[in-house]
Amino acid sequence: MSKRTNQETSGLSAAIAAGETVASWARRQTPPIPRRTAYTWSRRPEVRKAVERIRRRCLDRAAGTLARHATAAAEKLASLARSADSQAVQLAAARAVLQEYREVTDYQDLAARVAALEESRESH
């Protein structure tokens, strides 16, 4: 694959990862790339892998942002559950705290089980 084609498929990978259509990306190129060529490129394994890699990085960054704010959000819910003026708000916040706690502990349990399975598989 030529250097130019590599650059073009990198741009295509980024566009697909961001939700742009292949046809739209092809039209935006200068000069425009034939749609059929763009669709052929989009099916290449290296393009598909690049799309997944880009999306994983985006999700990792989003998870990091959520993790940074999770404690403050939980504290805010707990505060509302304790001291909101409206009993409806208190009840909704208390339910949210319990629901989120259950989901987090379920996730932690599942993550621990997967880690144990992976460790077991690696030791055999």
Protein backbone atom coordinates (compact mmCIF):
# COMPACT_ATOMS: atom_id res chain seq x y z
CA MET A 1 0.00 0.00 0.00
CA SER A 2 1.40 3.44 -0.92
CA LYS A 3 2.11 6.17 1.62
CA ARG A 4 -0.81 8.19 0.26
CA THR A 5 -3.15 5.20 0.51
CA ASN A 6 -2.00 4.64 4.12
CA GLN A 7 -2.80 8.26 4.94
CA GLU A 8 -6.17 8.00 3.24
CA THR A 9 -7.11 4.78 5.00
CA SER A 10 -6.02 6.31 8.33
CA GLY A 11 -8.41 9.18 7.65
CA LEU A 12 -11.09 6.70 6.64
CA SER A 13 -10.58 4.73 9.86
CA ALA A 14 -10.93 7.88 11.96
CA ALA A 15 -14.04 8.93 10.06
CA ILE A 16 -15.71 5.53 10.46
CA ALA A 17 -14.81 5.45 14.17
CA ALA A 18 -16.44 8.86 14.58
CA GLY A 19 -19.63 7.65 12.90
CA GLU A 20 -19.20 9.20 9.46
CA THR A 21 -20.38 7.17 6.49
CA VAL A 22 -17.86 5.79 4.04
CA ALA A 23 -19.63 7.55 1.17
CA SER A 24 -19.54 10.91 2.97
CA TRP A 25 -15.84 10.51 3.73
CA ALA A 26 -15.11 9.59 0.09
CA ARG A 27 -16.92 12.72 -1.20
CA ARG A 28 -14.95 15.01 1.15
CA GLN A 29 -11.56 13.87 -0.16
CA THR A 30 -9.63 16.05 -2.59
CA PRO A 31 -9.92 14.79 -5.20
CA PRO A 32 -12.98 12.73 -4.27
CA ILE A 33 -12.33 9.00 -3.95
CA PRO A 34 -14.70 6.69 -5.78
CA ARG A 35 -17.26 5.24 -3.38
CA ARG A 36 -16.50 1.71 -4.44
CA THR A 37 -12.80 2.20 -3.67
CA ALA A 38 -13.63 3.69 -0.26
CA TYR A 39 -15.92 0.76 0.57
CA THR A 40 -13.22 -1.69 -0.51
CA TRP A 41 -10.73 0.07 1.75
CA SER A 42 -13.22 0.11 4.63
CA ARG A 43 -13.39 -3.69 4.56
CA ARG A 44 -9.62 -4.15 4.86
CA PRO A 45 -8.61 -5.83 8.13
CA GLU A 46 -6.14 -3.06 8.97
CA VAL A 47 -8.87 -0.43 8.61
CA ARG A 48 -11.31 -2.43 10.75
CA LYS A 49 -8.61 -2.91 13.42
CA ALA A 50 -7.79 0.79 13.36
CA VAL A 51 -11.48 1.67 13.79
CA GLU A 52 -11.71 -0.63 16.82
CA ARG A 53 -8.45 0.75 18.26
CA ILE A 54 -9.68 4.36 17.88
CA ARG A 55 -13.05 3.54 19.45
CA ARG A 56 -11.36 1.73 22.36
CA ARG A 57 -9.17 4.77 23.03
CA CYS A 58 -12.25 7.01 22.99
CA LEU A 59 -14.07 4.73 25.41
CA ASP A 60 -11.01 4.54 27.68
CA ARG A 61 -10.86 8.34 27.84
CA ALA A 62 -14.60 8.56 28.51
CA ALA A 63 -14.29 5.96 31.28
CA GLY A 64 -11.45 7.95 32.81
CA THR A 65 -13.56 11.09 32.83
CA LEU A 66 -16.47 9.22 34.43
CA ALA A 67 -14.17 7.66 37.02
CA ARG A 68 -12.81 11.08 38.00
CA HIS A 69 -16.34 12.33 38.66
CA ALA A 70 -17.91 9.17 40.10
CA THR A 71 -17.12 9.91 43.74
CA ALA A 72 -18.49 13.45 43.53
CA ALA A 73 -21.65 12.18 41.83
CA ALA A 74 -22.16 9.50 44.48
CA GLU A 75 -21.62 12.07 47.24
CA LYS A 76 -24.16 14.39 45.60
CA LEU A 77 -26.74 11.59 45.41
CA ALA A 78 -26.11 10.72 49.05
CA SER A 79 -26.44 14.37 50.02
CA LEU A 80 -29.74 14.68 48.16
CA ALA A 81 -30.99 11.47 49.77
CA ARG A 82 -30.23 12.96 53.21
CA SER A 83 -31.21 16.59 52.88
CA ALA A 84 -33.30 17.47 49.82
CA ASP A 85 -36.32 19.62 50.63
CA SER A 86 -38.65 17.38 48.68
CA GLN A 87 -39.34 13.88 49.93
CA ALA A 88 -39.79 12.80 46.30
CA VAL A 89 -36.24 13.98 45.53
CA GLN A 90 -34.93 12.23 48.66
CA LEU A 91 -36.65 8.99 47.64
CA ALA A 92 -35.41 9.21 44.03
CA ALA A 93 -31.86 9.91 45.21
CA ALA A 94 -31.94 7.07 47.72
CA ARG A 95 -33.16 4.68 45.03
CA ALA A 96 -30.44 5.90 42.68
CA VAL A 97 -27.78 5.33 45.34
CA LEU A 98 -28.99 1.77 45.93
CA GLN A 99 -29.30 1.03 42.21
CA GLU A 100 -25.85 2.37 41.40
CA TYR A 101 -24.33 0.54 44.34
CA ARG A 102 -25.86 -2.72 43.14
CA GLU A 103 -24.61 -2.19 39.60
CA VAL A 104 -21.10 -1.31 40.75
CA THR A 105 -20.86 -4.34 43.02
CA ASP A 106 -22.25 -6.60 40.27
CA TYR A 107 -19.61 -5.24 37.90
CA GLN A 108 -16.84 -5.70 40.48
CA ASP A 109 -17.95 -9.28 41.13
CA LEU A 110 -18.01 -10.05 37.42
CA ALA A 111 -14.61 -8.42 36.87
CA ALA A 112 -13.13 -10.47 39.72
CA ARG A 113 -14.60 -13.68 38.29
CA VAL A 114 -13.23 -12.93 34.81
CA ALA A 115 -9.80 -12.14 36.27
CA ALA A 116 -9.84 -15.42 38.20
CA LEU A 117 -10.78 -17.34 35.06
CA GLU A 118 -8.03 -15.65 33.05
CA GLU A 119 -5.49 -16.34 35.78
CA SER A 120 -6.60 -19.96 35.94
CA ARG A 121 -6.32 -20.30 32.17
CA GLU A 122 -2.83 -18.77 32.12
CA SER A 123 -1.58 -21.11 34.86
CA HIS A 124 -2.67 -24.23 32.92
